[in-house]
Amino acid sequence: MHTMWKGNISFGLVSIPIKLHTATEDKDIKLRTLHKECHAPIKYEKKCTSCGKEVAPEDIVKAYEYAKGKYVVLDEEELEKIRKEQEDKAVEIIDFVQMEEIDPIYFEKCYYMSSGEGGNKAYALLREALVETRKVGIAKIIIRAKEQLAVIRVYKNTLCLETIHFPDEVRKIEDVPNVPAENEIAKKELDTAILLIDQLTTAFDPSKYTDEYRTALLDLIETKKQGKEIVISSDSKPVESNVMDLMAALQASIDNTKPERQVEKKKRTRKKVIREA
């Protein structure tokens, strides 16, 4: 597994050499843009918006636009110095908190943490302490020239570093338009909705969820590679745009889920009886 960052994590006077490895991977299918006539890749040139000249990489500088059309130019040496100063610091766990106190909206990207040279004992100590206290650590870390707030937690038998957004990066819910302010829900509707949720409730099994769009796109690509005829299915049901009666929709949903859920419950009951026997 590729190491994308290495350094030290510390809490108190305990320092743990660690390595970060990306825990997830992007499996989106990347599509290229081609010239329709000759099927050659499209080349995008970097041109100056003022003089119209094509700009070479060595002639490009970075800048911050502090007002419309006004920039502060930053030298690469200056940026590199700041990056180096921050990256050389040990990552210190600032606080320990309950995981339940952090709303999922803050979470961004997860990394696995492995032990660096000579860090096995300290790594195991922090892992066990987090498990025993049922808490997570809050730390700051520089990743790819950006300071990140992060949660350090235990996933199965491995320490994870989960980057989270700073509070000012989360937009205010007050700015969300068209959010109903009052509850005008009848008790019968609420009870029926709760019943539907109960019927659809099951143990979380991530293996049952698949990316159907990606699978269909890969099938299409493979079919076209082999020069086969493309058959477009018309089985999909059109989405109804009209708002139907809420109570009727809830009841119809419950009726549709009954047979399948009853079979699942019977299977679970049968397995439980077999285990107990």
Protein backbone atom coordinates (compact mmCIF):
# COMPACT_ATOMS: atom_id res chain seq x y z
CA MET A 1 0.00 0.00 0.00
CA HIS A 2 1.46 3.34 -1.09
CA THR A 3 2.67 5.71 1.68
CA MET A 4 1.41 9.22 0.97
CA TRP A 5 2.60 10.92 4.19
CA LYS A 6 4.89 10.05 7.07
CA GLY A 7 5.70 11.83 10.29
CA ASN A 8 4.89 11.70 13.98
CA ILE A 9 1.65 11.78 15.95
CA SER A 10 2.01 12.87 19.58
CA PHE A 11 -0.22 13.07 22.63
CA GLY A 12 1.33 14.47 25.78
CA LEU A 13 4.99 13.42 25.71
CA VAL A 14 4.30 10.24 23.73
CA SER A 15 5.44 10.42 20.09
CA ILE A 16 4.43 7.81 17.52
CA PRO A 17 6.14 7.56 14.12
CA ILE A 18 3.41 6.74 11.59
CA LYS A 19 2.73 6.46 7.87
CA LEU A 20 -0.52 7.41 6.15
CA HIS A 21 -2.11 5.29 3.44
CA THR A 22 -5.28 6.28 1.55
CA ALA A 23 -8.12 4.13 2.90
CA THR A 24 -10.50 4.58 -0.04
CA GLU A 25 -10.12 4.70 -3.80
CA ASP A 26 -12.01 6.51 -6.53
CA LYS A 27 -13.44 3.95 -8.93
CA ASP A 28 -15.17 6.44 -11.21
CA ILE A 29 -14.67 5.61 -14.88
CA LYS A 30 -12.62 8.36 -16.50
CA LEU A 31 -13.83 9.26 -19.98
CA ARG A 32 -11.55 11.14 -22.40
CA THR A 33 -12.75 13.86 -24.77
CA LEU A 34 -11.93 13.18 -28.43
CA HIS A 35 -12.28 15.03 -31.69
CA LYS A 36 -15.50 13.65 -33.21
CA GLU A 37 -14.04 13.59 -36.73
CA CYS A 38 -10.72 11.76 -36.19
CA HIS A 39 -11.10 10.37 -32.62
CA ALA A 40 -7.88 11.98 -31.38
CA PRO A 41 -7.62 13.36 -27.80
CA ILE A 42 -8.36 17.05 -27.39
CA LYS A 43 -5.42 19.15 -26.22
CA TYR A 44 -6.12 22.04 -23.88
CA GLU A 45 -3.61 24.87 -24.15
CA LYS A 46 -2.81 27.39 -21.44
CA LYS A 47 -3.12 30.88 -22.86
CA CYS A 48 -2.86 34.32 -21.28
CA THR A 49 -6.23 36.09 -21.19
CA SER A 50 -4.49 39.45 -21.76
CA CYS A 51 -1.99 38.96 -24.61
CA GLY A 52 -3.36 35.68 -25.97
CA LYS A 53 0.07 33.98 -25.97
CA GLU A 54 0.48 30.30 -25.07
CA VAL A 55 2.20 30.12 -21.66
CA ALA A 56 4.94 27.61 -20.82
CA PRO A 57 4.99 25.97 -17.34
CA GLU A 58 8.07 27.96 -16.30
CA ASP A 59 6.22 31.21 -17.01
CA ILE A 60 3.29 30.44 -14.70
CA VAL A 61 3.17 31.85 -11.15
CA LYS A 62 0.60 31.50 -8.37
CA ALA A 63 -1.35 34.40 -6.95
CA TYR A 64 -4.26 35.27 -4.68
CA GLU A 65 -7.06 37.45 -6.07
CA TYR A 66 -7.92 39.77 -3.16
CA ALA A 67 -10.20 41.98 -5.30
CA LYS A 68 -11.63 41.71 -8.82
CA GLY A 69 -8.64 41.75 -11.18
CA LYS A 70 -6.14 42.50 -8.39
CA TYR A 71 -3.62 39.85 -7.33
CA VAL A 72 -0.87 39.22 -4.81
CA VAL A 73 1.81 37.12 -6.55
CA LEU A 74 3.37 34.42 -4.36
CA ASP A 75 6.80 32.98 -5.17
CA GLU A 76 7.14 29.20 -5.19
CA GLU A 77 10.07 29.51 -2.76
CA GLU A 78 7.86 31.39 -0.28
CA LEU A 79 5.11 28.77 -0.51
CA GLU A 80 7.59 25.93 -0.17
CA LYS A 81 9.12 27.51 2.95
CA ILE A 82 5.72 27.74 4.66
CA ARG A 83 4.89 24.16 3.65
CA LYS A 84 8.22 22.88 4.97
CA GLU A 85 7.85 24.73 8.29
CA GLN A 86 4.42 23.21 8.88
CA GLU A 87 5.11 19.72 7.56
CA ASP A 88 8.20 19.34 9.75
CA LYS A 89 6.07 19.75 12.89
CA ALA A 90 4.87 16.67 14.73
CA VAL A 91 1.12 16.20 14.49
CA GLU A 92 -0.16 16.78 18.02
CA ILE A 93 -3.45 15.46 19.28
CA ILE A 94 -5.07 18.60 20.70
CA ASP A 95 -8.15 17.12 22.38
CA PHE A 96 -9.98 13.86 22.97
CA VAL A 97 -13.75 13.81 22.41
CA GLN A 98 -16.65 11.41 22.01
CA MET A 99 -17.14 10.31 18.39
CA GLU A 100 -20.91 10.87 18.74
CA GLU A 101 -20.28 14.59 19.29
CA ILE A 102 -19.02 15.03 15.70
CA ASP A 103 -21.76 15.33 13.09
CA PRO A 104 -21.04 13.31 9.88
CA ILE A 105 -21.26 16.51 7.81
CA TYR A 106 -17.73 17.36 9.01
CA PHE A 107 -16.07 14.18 7.71
CA GLU A 108 -14.07 14.36 4.48
CA LYS A 109 -11.48 11.63 3.71
CA CYS A 110 -10.09 8.63 5.58
CA TYR A 111 -6.50 7.39 5.80
CA TYR A 112 -5.11 4.23 7.39
CA MET A 113 -2.22 4.77 9.78
CA SER A 114 0.59 2.23 10.00
CA SER A 115 3.39 2.25 12.52
CA GLY A 116 6.70 3.81 11.55
CA GLU A 117 10.10 2.47 12.56
CA GLY A 118 10.26 1.82 16.31
CA GLY A 119 6.67 2.92 16.87
CA ASN A 120 4.84 -0.38 17.39
CA LYS A 121 4.48 -0.14 21.18
CA ALA A 122 3.33 3.50 21.21
CA TYR A 123 0.96 2.77 18.30
CA ALA A 124 -0.59 -0.17 20.18
CA LEU A 125 -0.83 1.93 23.36
CA LEU A 126 -2.79 4.73 21.67
CA ARG A 127 -5.02 2.21 19.90
CA GLU A 128 -5.88 0.40 23.14
CA ALA A 129 -6.41 3.65 25.04
CA LEU A 130 -8.87 4.91 22.41
CA VAL A 131 -10.77 1.60 22.49
CA GLU A 132 -10.96 1.56 26.30
CA THR A 133 -12.08 5.19 26.62
CA ARG A 134 -14.32 5.04 23.50
CA LYS A 135 -12.92 8.39 22.44
CA VAL A 136 -11.22 9.86 19.38
CA GLY A 137 -8.36 12.33 19.09
CA ILE A 138 -8.60 15.74 17.41
CA ALA A 139 -5.43 16.87 15.62
CA LYS A 140 -4.13 19.17 12.89
CA ILE A 141 -2.02 17.96 9.99
CA ILE A 142 -0.61 19.39 6.73
CA ILE A 143 -1.55 17.21 3.74
CA ARG A 144 -0.72 18.34 0.22
CA ALA A 145 0.01 21.92 1.27
CA LYS A 146 -3.29 22.28 3.14
CA GLU A 147 -3.77 22.30 6.88
CA GLN A 148 -6.44 19.80 7.85
CA LEU A 149 -8.38 19.23 11.02
CA ALA A 150 -8.47 15.51 11.67
CA VAL A 151 -9.98 12.79 13.83
CA ILE A 152 -7.79 9.90 14.95
CA ARG A 153 -9.87 6.81 15.67
CA VAL A 154 -9.75 3.03 15.67
CA TYR A 155 -11.24 1.05 12.79
CA LYS A 156 -11.14 -2.69 13.50
CA ASN A 157 -7.48 -3.17 14.51
CA THR A 158 -6.04 -0.11 12.77
CA LEU A 159 -5.63 3.55 13.69
CA CYS A 160 -7.28 5.83 11.15
CA LEU A 161 -6.88 9.51 10.47
CA GLU A 162 -10.09 11.05 9.19
CA THR A 163 -9.79 14.59 7.85
CA ILE A 164 -12.73 16.80 8.79
CA HIS A 165 -13.86 20.25 7.68
CA PHE A 166 -13.15 23.33 9.75
CA PRO A 167 -16.38 24.91 11.08
CA ASP A 168 -16.21 27.83 8.61
CA GLU A 169 -16.11 25.34 5.71
CA VAL A 170 -19.55 24.00 6.59
CA ARG A 171 -22.28 26.19 5.14
CA LYS A 172 -24.98 27.53 7.44
CA ILE A 173 -28.23 25.58 7.42
CA GLU A 174 -30.06 28.90 7.70
CA ASP A 175 -29.02 29.56 4.08
CA VAL A 176 -30.77 26.42 2.78
CA PRO A 177 -33.92 27.49 0.89
CA ASN A 178 -37.38 25.96 1.22
CA VAL A 179 -36.91 24.06 4.48
CA PRO A 180 -40.32 23.55 6.18
CA ALA A 181 -40.35 25.43 9.47
CA GLU A 182 -43.40 23.80 11.04
CA ASN A 183 -44.50 20.22 11.50
CA GLU A 184 -47.91 19.74 9.94
CA ILE A 185 -47.82 15.96 10.00
CA ALA A 186 -50.83 13.96 11.14
CA LYS A 187 -50.15 11.30 13.77
CA LYS A 188 -51.48 8.56 11.48
CA GLU A 189 -49.03 9.61 8.76
CA LEU A 190 -46.15 9.64 11.23
CA ASP A 191 -47.07 6.21 12.64
CA THR A 192 -47.28 4.77 9.13
CA ALA A 193 -43.92 6.29 8.16
CA ILE A 194 -42.34 4.78 11.30
CA LEU A 195 -43.88 1.40 10.43
CA LEU A 196 -42.36 1.62 6.93
CA ILE A 197 -38.95 2.46 8.40
CA ASP A 198 -39.24 -0.53 10.77
CA GLN A 199 -40.06 -2.83 7.85
CA LEU A 200 -37.07 -1.56 5.86
CA THR A 201 -34.69 -1.76 8.83
CA THR A 202 -31.93 -4.37 8.59
CA ALA A 203 -28.33 -4.95 9.67
CA PHE A 204 -25.86 -2.84 7.68
CA ASP A 205 -24.07 -4.98 5.10
CA PRO A 206 -21.94 -2.81 2.76
CA SER A 207 -21.40 -5.72 0.35
CA LYS A 208 -25.05 -5.59 -0.77
CA TYR A 209 -24.70 -2.07 -2.19
CA THR A 210 -23.14 -1.74 -5.64
CA ASP A 211 -22.51 1.05 -8.13
CA GLU A 212 -25.05 0.06 -10.78
CA TYR A 213 -24.18 2.98 -13.06
CA ARG A 214 -20.47 2.03 -13.13
CA THR A 215 -21.34 -1.63 -13.80
CA ALA A 216 -23.64 -0.67 -16.67
CA LEU A 217 -21.04 1.69 -18.13
CA LEU A 218 -18.32 -0.99 -17.99
CA ASP A 219 -20.68 -3.46 -19.69
CA LEU A 220 -21.37 -0.90 -22.42
CA ILE A 221 -17.64 -0.26 -22.94
CA GLU A 222 -16.89 -4.00 -23.12
CA THR A 223 -19.75 -4.57 -25.59
CA LYS A 224 -18.50 -1.78 -27.86
CA LYS A 225 -14.90 -3.06 -27.62
CA GLN A 226 -16.10 -6.41 -28.96
CA GLY A 227 -18.07 -4.73 -31.75
CA LYS A 228 -21.39 -6.16 -30.61
CA GLU A 229 -24.77 -4.56 -31.22
CA ILE A 230 -25.91 -2.18 -28.50
CA VAL A 231 -29.39 -2.88 -27.15
CA ILE A 232 -30.93 -0.11 -25.05
CA SER A 233 -33.31 -1.44 -22.41
CA SER A 234 -36.62 0.36 -21.95
CA ASP A 235 -37.61 -1.42 -18.74
CA SER A 236 -36.98 1.56 -16.48
CA LYS A 237 -40.11 3.15 -15.10
CA PRO A 238 -40.63 6.87 -15.69
CA VAL A 239 -40.46 9.03 -12.57
CA GLU A 240 -43.84 10.52 -11.76
CA SER A 241 -43.65 14.26 -11.34
CA ASN A 242 -47.08 14.73 -9.74
CA VAL A 243 -47.36 14.77 -5.95
CA MET A 244 -49.52 11.82 -4.90
CA ASP A 245 -51.42 11.44 -1.65
CA LEU A 246 -48.82 11.02 1.12
CA MET A 247 -50.81 8.51 3.15
CA ALA A 248 -51.55 6.41 0.07
CA ALA A 249 -47.88 6.41 -0.90
CA LEU A 250 -46.85 5.27 2.60
CA GLN A 251 -49.40 2.48 2.66
CA ALA A 252 -48.47 1.31 -0.84
CA SER A 253 -44.81 1.27 0.18
CA ILE A 254 -45.60 -0.88 3.22
CA ASP A 255 -47.65 -3.29 1.10
CA ASN A 256 -44.79 -3.60 -1.41
CA THR A 257 -42.19 -4.41 1.24
CA LYS A 258 -44.22 -6.92 3.27
CA PRO A 259 -43.55 -10.17 1.34
CA GLU A 260 -39.80 -9.57 0.97
CA ARG A 261 -39.31 -8.48 4.58
CA GLN A 262 -41.34 -11.37 5.94
CA VAL A 263 -39.12 -13.84 4.05
CA GLU A 264 -35.99 -12.14 5.43
CA LYS A 265 -37.34 -12.24 8.99
CA LYS A 266 -38.22 -15.94 8.64
CA LYS A 267 -34.68 -16.66 7.40
CA ARG A 268 -33.15 -14.78 10.33
CA THR A 269 -35.47 -16.59 12.79
CA ARG A 270 -34.61 -19.96 11.24
CA LYS A 271 -30.87 -19.25 11.51
CA LYS A 272 -31.30 -18.19 15.15
CA VAL A 273 -33.19 -21.40 15.98
CA ILE A 274 -30.51 -23.52 14.29
CA ARG A 275 -27.74 -21.74 16.23
CA GLU A 276 -29.57 -22.17 19.52
CA ALA A 277 -30.18 -25.85 18.78
